[in-house]
Protein backbone atom coordinates (compact mmCIF):
# COMPACT_ATOMS: atom_id res chain seq x y z
CA MET A 1 381.46 183.36 43.69
CA MET A 2 377.88 182.51 44.71
CA ARG A 3 377.22 183.04 48.40
CA ILE A 4 374.67 181.42 50.69
CA THR A 5 372.82 184.74 50.86
CA ASP A 6 372.38 184.64 47.07
CA THR A 7 370.61 181.28 47.14
CA SER A 8 368.81 181.07 50.48
CA ASP A 9 365.38 182.03 49.08
CA LEU A 10 365.69 179.69 46.09
CA TRP A 11 364.74 176.61 48.10
CA TRP A 12 362.96 175.04 45.13
CA LYS A 13 366.21 174.71 43.12
CA THR A 14 367.08 171.56 45.06
CA ALA A 15 363.70 170.56 46.50
CA ILE A 16 362.38 166.99 46.42
CA PHE A 17 358.70 167.29 45.49
CA TYR A 18 356.01 164.76 46.41
CA ASN A 19 352.60 165.00 44.76
CA LEU A 20 349.60 163.53 46.55
CA ASN A 21 345.83 163.80 46.59
CA VAL A 22 344.46 164.20 50.10
CA GLU A 23 341.38 162.26 48.92
CA THR A 24 343.38 159.05 48.39
CA PHE A 25 346.37 159.38 50.72
CA MET A 26 345.17 158.60 54.27
CA ASP A 27 341.68 158.45 55.79
CA TRP A 28 341.93 159.17 59.51
CA ASN A 29 338.23 159.36 60.44
CA ASP A 30 337.38 156.17 58.50
CA ASP A 31 334.58 157.62 56.40
CA GLY A 32 336.23 156.18 53.28
CA VAL A 33 337.78 159.43 52.03
CA GLY A 34 341.28 160.74 52.73
CA ASP A 35 341.56 163.84 54.89
CA PHE A 36 344.03 166.44 56.10
CA GLU A 37 344.19 164.84 59.54
CA GLY A 38 345.36 161.63 57.87
CA LEU A 39 347.97 163.55 55.88
CA GLY A 40 349.18 165.18 59.09
CA GLN A 41 349.64 161.75 60.65
CA ARG A 42 351.86 160.71 57.73
CA LEU A 43 354.18 163.74 57.64
CA ASP A 44 356.82 161.87 59.66
CA TYR A 45 356.81 159.16 56.99
CA LEU A 46 357.30 161.77 54.26
CA GLU A 47 360.08 163.46 56.22
CA GLU A 48 361.86 160.11 56.59
CA LEU A 49 361.40 159.50 52.87
CA GLY A 50 363.37 162.69 52.24
CA VAL A 51 360.58 164.87 50.85
CA THR A 52 361.19 168.61 51.16
CA CYS A 53 358.10 169.95 49.38
CA LEU A 54 354.53 168.61 49.33
CA TRP A 55 352.46 169.32 46.23
CA LEU A 56 348.79 168.90 47.07
CA ALA A 57 346.29 168.13 44.32
CA PRO A 58 343.04 170.15 44.42
CA PHE A 59 341.18 169.76 47.72
CA TYR A 60 338.75 172.64 47.18
CA PRO A 61 334.93 172.28 47.15
CA SER A 62 334.08 170.57 43.89
CA PRO A 63 331.61 168.18 42.24
CA ARG A 64 334.77 166.13 41.55
CA GLU A 65 333.82 165.18 38.03
CA ASP A 66 337.49 165.76 37.10
CA ASN A 67 339.48 164.69 40.17
CA GLY A 68 338.82 168.03 41.87
CA TYR A 69 340.04 170.18 38.98
CA ASP A 70 336.44 171.36 38.54
CA ILE A 71 336.45 173.89 41.39
CA SER A 72 333.31 175.49 42.81
CA ASP A 73 335.00 177.57 45.55
CA TYR A 74 338.65 178.72 45.51
CA PHE A 75 338.64 179.76 49.17
CA GLY A 76 337.44 176.59 50.83
CA VAL A 77 338.15 172.92 51.51
CA ASN A 78 336.04 170.00 50.38
CA GLU A 79 334.21 169.03 53.56
CA ARG A 80 335.11 165.38 52.96
CA ASN A 81 338.80 166.33 53.33
CA GLY A 82 338.52 168.63 56.36
CA ASN A 83 338.47 172.39 56.82
CA LEU A 84 340.76 175.41 56.67
CA GLY A 85 341.94 174.83 60.22
CA ASP A 86 343.12 171.36 59.20
CA VAL A 87 345.01 172.85 56.25
CA VAL A 88 346.78 175.37 58.47
CA GLU A 89 347.72 172.63 60.93
CA VAL A 90 349.22 170.46 58.16
CA VAL A 91 351.16 173.40 56.72
CA ARG A 92 352.53 174.38 60.12
CA THR A 93 353.51 170.80 60.94
CA ALA A 94 355.14 170.34 57.54
CA HIS A 95 357.16 173.51 58.05
CA ASP A 96 358.26 172.21 61.44
CA ARG A 97 359.67 169.18 59.65
CA GLY A 98 361.48 171.21 57.01
CA MET A 99 358.91 170.66 54.27
CA ARG A 100 357.36 173.35 52.09
CA VAL A 101 353.81 173.03 50.76
CA ILE A 102 352.51 174.05 47.34
CA VAL A 103 348.95 173.71 46.04
CA ASP A 104 347.31 173.52 42.65
CA LEU A 105 346.30 176.85 41.12
CA VAL A 106 343.52 175.95 38.67
CA VAL A 107 342.27 179.27 37.30
CA ASN A 108 341.95 178.57 33.58
CA HIS A 109 338.41 177.28 34.27
CA THR A 110 335.90 176.70 37.05
CA SER A 111 333.14 174.19 37.64
CA VAL A 112 329.72 174.96 36.16
CA GLU A 113 328.61 174.89 39.81
CA HIS A 114 330.83 177.83 40.75
CA PRO A 115 328.69 180.83 41.85
CA TRP A 116 330.39 182.97 39.19
CA PHE A 117 329.13 180.76 36.39
CA GLN A 118 325.68 180.35 37.90
CA ALA A 119 325.37 184.14 38.10
CA ALA A 120 326.80 184.56 34.60
CA ARG A 121 323.98 182.44 33.16
CA SER A 122 321.21 184.66 34.55
CA SER A 123 321.41 187.62 32.14
CA ARG A 124 323.73 189.26 29.64
CA GLY A 125 323.92 192.37 31.77
CA ASN A 126 325.20 190.52 34.82
CA ARG A 127 328.75 191.52 35.79
CA PHE A 128 329.72 187.86 36.01
CA ARG A 129 328.83 187.32 32.35
CA GLU A 130 332.22 188.76 31.44
CA PHE A 131 333.97 186.27 33.72
CA TYR A 132 333.60 183.67 30.95
CA ASN A 133 333.76 183.56 27.15
CA TRP A 134 330.39 183.57 25.38
CA ARG A 135 329.33 183.57 21.72
CA ASP A 136 326.00 183.73 19.92
CA GLU A 137 327.35 181.35 17.30
CA VAL A 138 330.16 178.82 17.29
CA PRO A 139 333.21 180.41 15.61
CA GLU A 140 334.40 178.87 12.36
CA ASN A 141 337.82 177.26 12.36
CA GLY A 142 337.46 176.43 16.05
CA ARG A 143 340.26 174.62 17.84
CA ALA A 144 340.06 171.08 19.17
CA ASN A 145 339.07 170.18 22.70
CA MET A 146 341.71 168.71 25.03
CA PHE A 147 339.54 165.59 25.36
CA PRO A 148 338.43 164.77 21.82
CA ASP A 149 337.21 161.34 22.89
CA LYS A 150 334.77 163.00 25.32
CA GLU A 151 333.95 166.38 23.75
CA ASP A 152 333.34 167.26 20.10
CA GLY A 153 334.48 170.88 20.47
CA VAL A 154 335.15 173.75 22.83
CA TRP A 155 331.71 175.42 22.65
CA THR A 156 328.53 174.26 24.39
CA PHE A 157 325.14 175.96 24.26
CA ASP A 158 323.61 176.92 27.59
CA GLU A 159 319.82 177.09 27.44
CA ARG A 160 319.48 179.44 30.38
CA ALA A 161 322.11 181.86 29.13
CA GLY A 162 321.00 181.62 25.51
CA GLN A 163 324.61 181.55 24.30
CA PHE A 164 327.52 179.20 23.74
CA TYR A 165 330.26 179.16 26.39
CA GLU A 166 333.86 178.11 25.80
CA HIS A 167 335.48 175.14 27.53
CA SER A 168 338.96 173.95 26.55
CA PHE A 169 338.45 170.88 28.71
CA TYR A 170 335.19 169.18 29.74
CA ARG A 171 331.88 171.00 29.24
CA HIS A 172 331.42 171.08 33.00
CA GLN A 173 334.59 173.27 33.18
CA PRO A 174 333.84 176.64 31.51
CA ASP A 175 336.93 178.70 30.65
CA LEU A 176 337.54 181.84 32.68
CA ASN A 177 338.06 185.06 30.71
CA THR A 178 341.49 185.89 32.11
CA ALA A 179 341.72 188.92 29.81
CA ASN A 180 339.14 190.56 32.06
CA PRO A 181 340.88 192.76 34.68
CA VAL A 182 338.18 191.91 37.23
CA VAL A 183 338.86 188.19 36.80
CA ARG A 184 342.56 188.86 37.29
CA GLU A 185 341.76 190.68 40.53
CA GLU A 186 339.82 187.65 41.73
CA ILE A 187 342.71 185.34 40.83
CA ALA A 188 345.07 187.61 42.78
CA LYS A 189 342.79 187.30 45.81
CA VAL A 190 342.96 183.50 45.53
CA ILE A 191 346.75 183.57 45.41
CA GLY A 192 347.01 186.04 48.28
CA PHE A 193 344.62 184.03 50.43
CA TRP A 194 346.60 180.80 50.25
CA LEU A 195 349.95 182.55 50.66
CA GLN A 196 348.56 184.20 53.79
CA LEU A 197 347.70 180.74 55.17
CA GLY A 198 351.34 179.72 54.80
CA ILE A 199 351.36 178.01 51.40
CA ASP A 200 354.79 178.28 49.75
CA GLY A 201 353.78 178.35 46.11
CA PHE A 202 351.62 176.96 43.36
CA ARG A 203 351.61 174.30 40.70
CA VAL A 204 349.94 176.25 37.89
CA ASP A 205 347.60 174.05 35.89
CA ALA A 206 347.53 174.08 32.06
CA VAL A 207 349.43 177.36 31.71
CA PRO A 208 349.00 177.85 27.93
CA PHE A 209 345.21 177.74 28.42
CA LEU A 210 345.45 180.29 31.22
CA ILE A 211 346.91 183.01 29.01
CA GLU A 212 345.95 181.98 25.48
CA ALA A 213 343.48 184.83 25.07
CA GLU A 214 346.08 187.51 25.68
CA GLY A 215 347.37 187.92 22.12
CA GLU A 216 350.85 189.30 21.55
CA ASN A 217 351.14 190.52 25.14
CA GLU A 218 349.97 187.23 26.62
CA HIS A 219 353.04 186.82 28.83
CA ASP A 220 352.49 190.14 30.57
CA TYR A 221 349.98 188.35 32.75
CA LEU A 222 352.43 185.62 33.77
CA ARG A 223 355.00 188.27 34.69
CA ALA A 224 352.38 190.07 36.74
CA LEU A 225 351.45 186.86 38.57
CA ARG A 226 355.09 186.04 39.31
CA SER A 227 355.67 189.57 40.58
CA TYR A 228 352.57 189.40 42.77
CA VAL A 229 353.64 186.07 44.30
CA GLY A 230 357.05 187.59 44.99
CA ARG A 231 355.57 190.66 46.69
CA ARG A 232 353.21 188.63 48.86
CA SER A 233 355.80 185.96 49.69
CA GLY A 234 359.51 186.57 49.35
CA ASN A 235 360.22 182.90 48.65
CA GLY A 236 356.98 181.88 46.90
CA MET A 237 357.21 180.04 43.59
CA MET A 238 355.16 178.97 40.55
CA LEU A 239 355.66 175.50 39.03
CA GLY A 240 354.02 175.45 35.62
CA GLU A 241 352.46 172.70 33.51
CA VAL A 242 353.54 173.53 29.94
CA ASN A 243 353.53 170.49 27.68
CA LEU A 244 355.17 172.03 24.63
CA PRO A 245 358.42 171.62 22.63
CA TYR A 246 361.47 173.16 24.27
CA GLU A 247 361.55 176.23 22.00
CA ASP A 248 357.96 177.08 22.97
CA GLN A 249 358.37 176.04 26.58
CA GLU A 250 361.37 178.34 27.04
CA VAL A 251 359.18 181.40 26.49
CA TYR A 252 357.18 180.62 29.62
CA PHE A 253 360.22 181.15 31.84
CA GLY A 254 360.37 184.72 30.56
CA ALA A 255 363.19 186.57 28.85
CA HIS A 256 364.68 187.40 32.25
CA GLY A 257 363.48 184.36 34.14
CA ASN A 258 360.59 186.42 35.51
CA GLU A 259 357.56 184.34 34.51
CA LEU A 260 357.18 180.74 35.70
CA THR A 261 359.69 179.84 38.40
CA MET A 262 359.83 176.16 37.38
CA GLN A 263 358.47 173.96 34.61
CA PHE A 264 357.99 170.23 34.27
CA ASP A 265 360.30 168.78 31.62
CA PHE A 266 357.71 166.98 29.49
CA VAL A 267 360.13 166.64 26.58
CA ALA A 268 362.78 164.73 28.56
CA ASN A 269 360.07 162.63 30.20
CA GLN A 270 358.65 161.48 26.87
CA TYR A 271 362.03 160.81 25.26
CA LEU A 272 363.01 158.87 28.36
CA TYR A 273 360.25 156.38 27.56
CA LEU A 274 361.33 156.20 23.92
CA ALA A 275 364.86 155.42 25.13
CA LEU A 276 363.50 152.75 27.47
CA ALA A 277 361.47 151.20 24.64
CA ARG A 278 364.58 151.02 22.43
CA ARG A 279 366.96 150.12 25.28
CA ASP A 280 369.10 152.87 23.83
CA ALA A 281 369.94 156.17 25.56
CA THR A 282 370.29 158.09 22.28
CA PRO A 283 366.75 159.59 22.17
CA LEU A 284 367.14 161.04 25.67
CA ILE A 285 370.68 162.27 24.93
CA GLU A 286 369.48 164.03 21.79
CA ALA A 287 366.52 165.58 23.60
CA LEU A 288 368.50 166.90 26.56
CA SER A 289 371.18 168.24 24.21
CA THR A 290 368.55 170.74 23.02
CA ARG A 291 367.22 171.62 26.47
CA PRO A 292 367.34 175.44 26.79
CA LYS A 293 369.71 177.07 29.24
CA ILE A 294 367.70 178.87 31.89
CA SER A 295 368.22 181.67 34.38
CA THR A 296 369.45 181.03 37.90
CA ALA A 297 365.98 182.20 38.93
CA ASN A 298 364.41 179.17 37.20
CA GLN A 299 364.52 175.39 37.43
CA TRP A 300 363.38 172.22 35.65
CA ALA A 301 361.21 169.63 37.40
CA ASN A 302 362.04 166.03 36.45
CA PHE A 303 359.40 163.32 36.80
CA VAL A 304 358.72 159.70 35.88
CA ARG A 305 354.93 159.61 36.36
CA ASN A 306 352.18 162.01 37.36
CA HIS A 307 348.46 162.06 38.12
CA ASP A 308 347.46 162.24 34.44
CA GLU A 309 348.14 159.92 31.56
CA LEU A 310 351.75 159.49 30.46
CA THR A 311 351.43 161.87 27.54
CA LEU A 312 353.48 161.23 24.40
CA ASP A 313 352.42 164.10 22.16
CA GLN A 314 355.96 165.51 21.85
CA LEU A 315 356.98 162.33 20.03
CA SER A 316 356.36 161.64 16.35
CA LYS A 317 353.56 159.26 15.37
CA ASP A 318 356.05 156.45 14.70
CA GLU A 319 357.84 157.10 18.00
CA ARG A 320 354.54 157.00 19.90
CA THR A 321 353.77 153.68 18.26
CA GLU A 322 357.12 152.31 19.48
CA VAL A 323 356.36 153.34 23.06
CA PHE A 324 352.79 152.03 22.90
CA ASP A 325 354.00 148.69 21.53
CA ALA A 326 356.58 148.38 24.30
CA PHE A 327 354.60 149.57 27.31
CA ALA A 328 350.87 149.75 26.45
CA PRO A 329 350.14 147.19 23.72
CA GLU A 330 346.46 146.90 24.68
CA GLU A 331 344.05 149.68 23.77
CA SER A 332 342.71 149.73 27.34
CA MET A 333 346.16 150.86 28.50
CA GLN A 334 346.01 153.96 26.29
CA ILE A 335 344.02 157.17 26.40
CA HIS A 336 343.22 159.77 23.76
CA GLY A 337 345.56 157.97 21.37
CA ARG A 338 348.45 159.96 22.80
CA GLY A 339 349.13 158.69 26.31
CA ILE A 340 349.44 155.71 28.65
CA ILE A 341 347.42 155.08 31.82
CA ARG A 342 349.87 152.79 33.60
CA ARG A 343 352.42 153.16 36.37
CA LEU A 344 356.10 152.41 35.80
CA PRO A 345 356.71 148.93 37.35
CA PRO A 346 354.12 147.07 35.22
CA MET A 347 355.36 148.88 32.11
CA LEU A 348 358.86 147.58 32.78
CA GLY A 349 357.71 144.03 33.51
CA ASN A 350 358.24 144.62 37.25
CA ASP A 351 361.99 144.30 36.72
CA PRO A 352 363.47 145.89 39.87
CA ARG A 353 366.81 146.59 38.14
CA ARG A 354 365.14 148.60 35.42
CA VAL A 355 362.77 150.43 37.76
CA ARG A 356 365.65 151.52 40.01
CA MET A 357 367.73 152.63 37.05
CA VAL A 358 364.90 154.94 35.93
CA TYR A 359 364.52 156.59 39.34
CA SER A 360 368.27 156.90 39.72
CA LEU A 361 368.35 158.71 36.39
CA ALA A 362 365.43 160.98 37.30
CA PHE A 363 367.11 162.07 40.52
CA SER A 364 370.46 162.65 38.81
CA LEU A 365 369.26 164.84 35.92
CA PRO A 366 369.82 168.60 36.28
CA GLY A 367 366.85 170.02 38.14
CA ALA A 368 364.56 168.99 40.98
CA PRO A 369 362.90 165.54 41.19
CA VAL A 370 359.13 165.09 41.54
CA LEU A 371 357.65 161.90 43.00
CA TYR A 372 354.02 160.88 42.56
CA TYR A 373 352.60 159.21 45.66
CA GLY A 374 353.11 155.44 45.70
CA GLU A 375 356.10 155.53 43.38
CA GLU A 376 358.38 155.03 46.37
CA ILE A 377 356.86 151.59 46.99
CA GLY A 378 356.36 150.57 43.36
CA MET A 379 352.58 150.86 43.20
CA ALA A 380 350.82 149.71 40.03
CA GLU A 381 347.72 150.96 38.26
CA HIS A 382 344.28 149.38 38.58
CA ALA A 383 343.61 147.92 35.15
CA ASP A 384 339.83 147.86 35.63
CA VAL A 385 339.51 151.52 36.61
CA PRO A 386 338.83 153.55 33.45
CA GLY A 387 340.87 156.49 32.22
CA ARG A 388 343.32 158.53 34.24
CA SER A 389 341.86 157.25 37.52
CA ALA A 390 343.71 153.97 36.97
CA VAL A 391 346.81 155.61 38.53
CA ARG A 392 344.90 157.47 41.26
CA THR A 393 343.99 154.59 43.56
CA PRO A 394 344.37 154.81 47.38
CA MET A 395 347.83 154.72 48.93
CA GLN A 396 348.88 151.23 50.07
CA TRP A 397 350.08 151.48 53.67
CA SER A 398 349.76 147.88 54.82
CA SER A 399 348.20 144.49 54.07
CA GLU A 400 345.21 145.28 56.28
CA LEU A 401 341.68 146.14 55.10
CA ASN A 402 341.76 148.68 52.25
CA GLY A 403 345.54 148.64 52.32
CA GLY A 404 345.55 150.46 55.66
CA PHE A 405 344.12 153.54 53.92
CA SER A 406 340.76 153.36 55.70
CA ARG A 407 338.67 151.03 57.85
CA ALA A 408 335.49 152.02 56.01
CA ASP A 409 333.47 149.70 53.82
CA PRO A 410 335.41 149.27 50.54
CA GLU A 411 332.36 150.59 48.66
CA GLN A 412 332.86 153.97 50.35
CA LEU A 413 336.39 154.51 48.99
CA PRO A 414 336.97 157.07 46.22
CA LEU A 415 338.48 154.30 44.05
CA PRO A 416 339.09 150.57 44.56
CA LEU A 417 342.45 149.25 45.74
CA VAL A 418 344.83 147.67 43.23
CA GLU A 419 344.33 143.92 42.94
CA GLY A 420 346.46 140.92 42.02
CA GLY A 421 350.23 140.75 42.43
CA ALA A 422 350.50 144.49 43.10
CA SER A 423 347.76 144.58 45.73
CA PRO A 424 348.47 145.74 49.30
CA LEU A 425 349.04 142.09 50.23
CA HIS A 426 352.24 142.28 48.18
CA VAL A 427 353.07 146.00 47.84
CA SER A 428 352.84 148.31 50.86
CA VAL A 429 354.80 150.69 53.05
CA ALA A 430 354.64 148.30 56.01
CA ALA A 431 356.14 145.43 54.01
CA GLN A 432 359.03 147.60 52.82
CA GLN A 433 359.65 149.78 55.85
CA ASN A 434 362.34 147.55 57.35
CA ASP A 435 363.46 145.76 54.19
CA PRO A 436 366.84 147.16 53.13
CA HIS A 437 366.37 145.70 49.65
CA SER A 438 363.00 147.35 48.99
CA ILE A 439 362.27 150.11 46.50
CA LEU A 440 361.27 152.28 49.47
CA HIS A 441 364.76 152.06 50.95
CA PHE A 442 366.24 152.69 47.53
CA ILE A 443 364.25 155.92 47.10
CA ARG A 444 365.37 157.00 50.56
CA LYS A 445 368.95 156.39 49.45
CA LEU A 446 368.37 158.53 46.36
CA THR A 447 366.86 161.42 48.31
CA ALA A 448 369.81 161.37 50.75
CA ALA A 449 372.35 161.32 47.90
CA TYR A 450 370.51 164.09 46.06
CA LYS A 451 370.58 166.32 49.14
CA LYS A 452 374.36 165.84 49.37
CA SER A 453 374.78 166.77 45.70
CA PRO A 454 373.84 170.44 45.15
CA GLU A 455 375.56 170.26 41.76
CA ILE A 456 372.45 168.48 40.45
CA GLY A 457 370.30 171.53 41.12
CA TRP A 458 372.88 174.23 40.51
CA GLY A 459 375.59 172.83 38.24
CA THR A 460 376.35 173.12 34.54
CA PHE A 461 375.11 170.10 32.59
CA GLU A 462 377.27 168.16 30.13
CA ILE A 463 376.71 164.90 28.24
CA LEU A 464 379.87 162.78 28.47
CA GLU A 465 381.13 161.01 25.38
CA GLN A 466 381.68 157.25 25.46
CA GLU A 467 381.33 154.42 23.00
CA HIS A 468 378.08 152.70 24.04
CA SER A 469 374.71 153.94 22.72
CA CYS A 470 372.93 152.23 25.61
CA ILE A 471 374.76 154.38 28.19
CA PHE A 472 373.59 157.76 29.39
CA ALA A 473 376.62 159.47 30.96
CA HIS A 474 376.50 163.05 32.21
CA ARG A 475 378.39 165.49 34.39
CA LEU A 476 377.21 168.42 36.50
CA THR A 477 379.82 170.94 37.54
CA GLY A 478 379.23 173.62 40.14
CA GLU A 479 381.12 175.71 42.64
CA THR A 480 380.60 172.99 45.21
CA GLY A 481 382.20 170.30 43.05
CA GLN A 482 381.68 167.88 40.21
CA PHE A 483 379.09 165.11 39.89
CA ILE A 484 379.06 162.27 37.35
CA ALA A 485 376.33 159.69 36.72
CA LEU A 486 376.18 156.65 34.43
CA HIS A 487 373.03 154.72 33.48
CA ASN A 488 372.72 151.60 31.36
CA PHE A 489 369.48 151.33 29.33
CA SER A 490 370.37 147.82 28.17
CA ALA A 491 370.16 144.39 29.79
CA GLU A 492 373.67 143.71 28.52
CA PRO A 493 376.73 144.48 30.69
CA CYS A 494 379.44 146.76 29.35
CA ARG A 495 382.64 148.55 30.34
CA VAL A 496 382.47 152.33 30.13
CA SER A 497 385.47 154.61 29.73
CA ILE A 498 385.19 158.34 30.46
CA GLU A 499 387.91 160.96 29.96
CA LEU A 500 388.17 163.12 33.11
CA GLY A 501 391.44 164.94 32.59
CA GLU A 502 394.85 164.72 34.20
CA ASN A 503 395.27 162.70 37.39
CA ASN A 504 396.84 165.58 39.24
CA ASP A 505 393.53 167.45 38.97
CA ILE A 506 391.72 164.72 40.89
CA SER A 507 392.27 163.75 44.52
CA HIS A 508 389.89 160.80 44.50
CA ILE A 509 386.47 159.55 43.37
CA VAL A 510 383.59 158.89 45.76
CA ASP A 511 380.77 156.46 44.95
CA LEU A 512 377.65 158.21 46.25
CA LEU A 513 375.23 155.27 46.18
CA ASP A 514 377.38 152.21 46.84
CA ASP A 515 380.90 151.69 48.06
CA GLU A 516 382.23 150.14 44.88
CA ASN A 517 385.54 150.49 43.11
CA ALA A 518 386.11 152.88 40.24
CA ALA A 519 389.33 152.58 38.26
CA LEU A 520 391.12 155.81 37.35
CA ALA A 521 394.32 155.85 35.33
CA ASP A 522 395.81 158.70 33.30
CA GLY A 523 392.58 160.67 33.59
CA LEU A 524 390.46 157.78 32.31
CA LEU A 525 387.55 156.59 34.46
CA GLU A 526 386.68 152.96 33.73
CA ILE A 527 383.53 151.40 35.15
CA ASP A 528 381.96 147.98 34.66
CA LEU A 529 378.19 148.27 34.45
CA SER A 530 375.86 145.30 34.60
CA GLY A 531 372.50 145.26 32.84
CA TYR A 532 370.35 148.28 33.80
CA ASP A 533 373.08 149.40 36.16
CA TYR A 534 373.58 152.95 37.49
CA ARG A 535 376.39 154.76 39.32
CA TRP A 536 376.77 158.19 40.93
CA PHE A 537 380.24 159.66 41.55
CA ARG A 538 381.68 162.79 43.08
CA ILE A 539 384.99 163.94 41.68
CA VAL A 540 387.10 165.36 44.48
CA ARG A 541 389.95 167.66 43.60
CA PRO A 542 392.90 168.58 45.83
CA GLY A 543 392.05 171.14 48.48
CA GLU A 544 388.26 170.88 48.14
CA LYS A 545 386.44 171.18 51.46
CA ARG A 546 383.63 168.68 51.10
CA ILE A 547 382.02 166.35 53.60
CA LEU A 548 381.86 163.28 51.43
């Protein structure tokens, strides 16, 4: 029997994450750039939305050639966003409202402007030289760069240093030598600093690139990091970005669940889009049937979109082509030949039934849901903004100037506001705040239902058999009860029959999203689903003490 005391420090198992960039969320001083004061003023909105953990994109000092992931100081705040006092105030206020805060830990590389790299260039005898990876000649059989359309390799010659330096990403982001014990000490200081300021954990960027130089003992470092976070903060966590097949991804949790605390489920995310393209749940069913079982000390993070492109590299070439044809038929909608730079509503033809079905599914899958800012109001991408930045435009608060994000001159904004039918004139928080039929109210309904359903985060997952390939039916069973969800990937209505067992094992069935009828006879649950329909149920058995 699992007791409350066994789970009280595992808050992330059933957290509702919300990812935002301070730069584009809310500008309070009207200089055109979002700031921590603006974020603080919107914490009540996020609390009402149902968010329980904020994930903040990089806000550190940076040239911002890569959305802030090119960091020049790990211990500071970009002056355009505020200062450390503002960060502490936001964290304290978030905690007062029952929200945790995690930040990006980007320590696989720095900016070329970081003092470490500038010192490393000065001479080969400089202690900082060993903070990075240098070569006199480019190694043969070198690996590909993460951005092959921008970089022709991972080695760039530095005239001042007289050597080539390694960069897995852009050339302005030199790789840190994490095999160096001194570098590891510096990374530990970064982690300890932010934990001391009240941060509750870290989203660890590009994990395979963080430890790739470690050889056969590469995961020792991840275990050491997890242990350090645990010592410095009893309930701290590490949410890792590991875009690999399940069998490779499983390793990053650790043999005893003692490496990454959580991981994004990139596999399920990509097969979700293949299922949507086919209007057939089979690809997602097959993918999740191979999802590894994980320790109680770990969790999956389920997402629909994120701040990067919608990557499809876990799909086969033919499968990627299917998804591209369905959701990004124009080359301008694609990036690197492997991903899509669009938000969900335009991809689904702005069909509200289909959009809601997808979010219902994401919240009902075993794990913890992750929202990307603007998803709760159905924001679209800006088709004229190149690359990944197309989905990073300012938050749309109202129909006022700059979508209520800022009163500055539009030319001063980090990125332009979305135009056309998805502009702030048509899509905004203000327009949806009091509309019970809006996507905003629907997401609030999902967060409330998720919080009442701990089985989703803790239960045992099972795909339920039924006769329709377009239906995704699953059950989650935990000590607190049993949860069942049905989702129709097709526009066609159908009647679904699910075997639940003998009637005397079931007291009644509760519809968690809508008060609709569900027929149960001789242990058979029969539900009529319309096109792109979705249903959540709780199975209540005699004697169970649940507030329904």
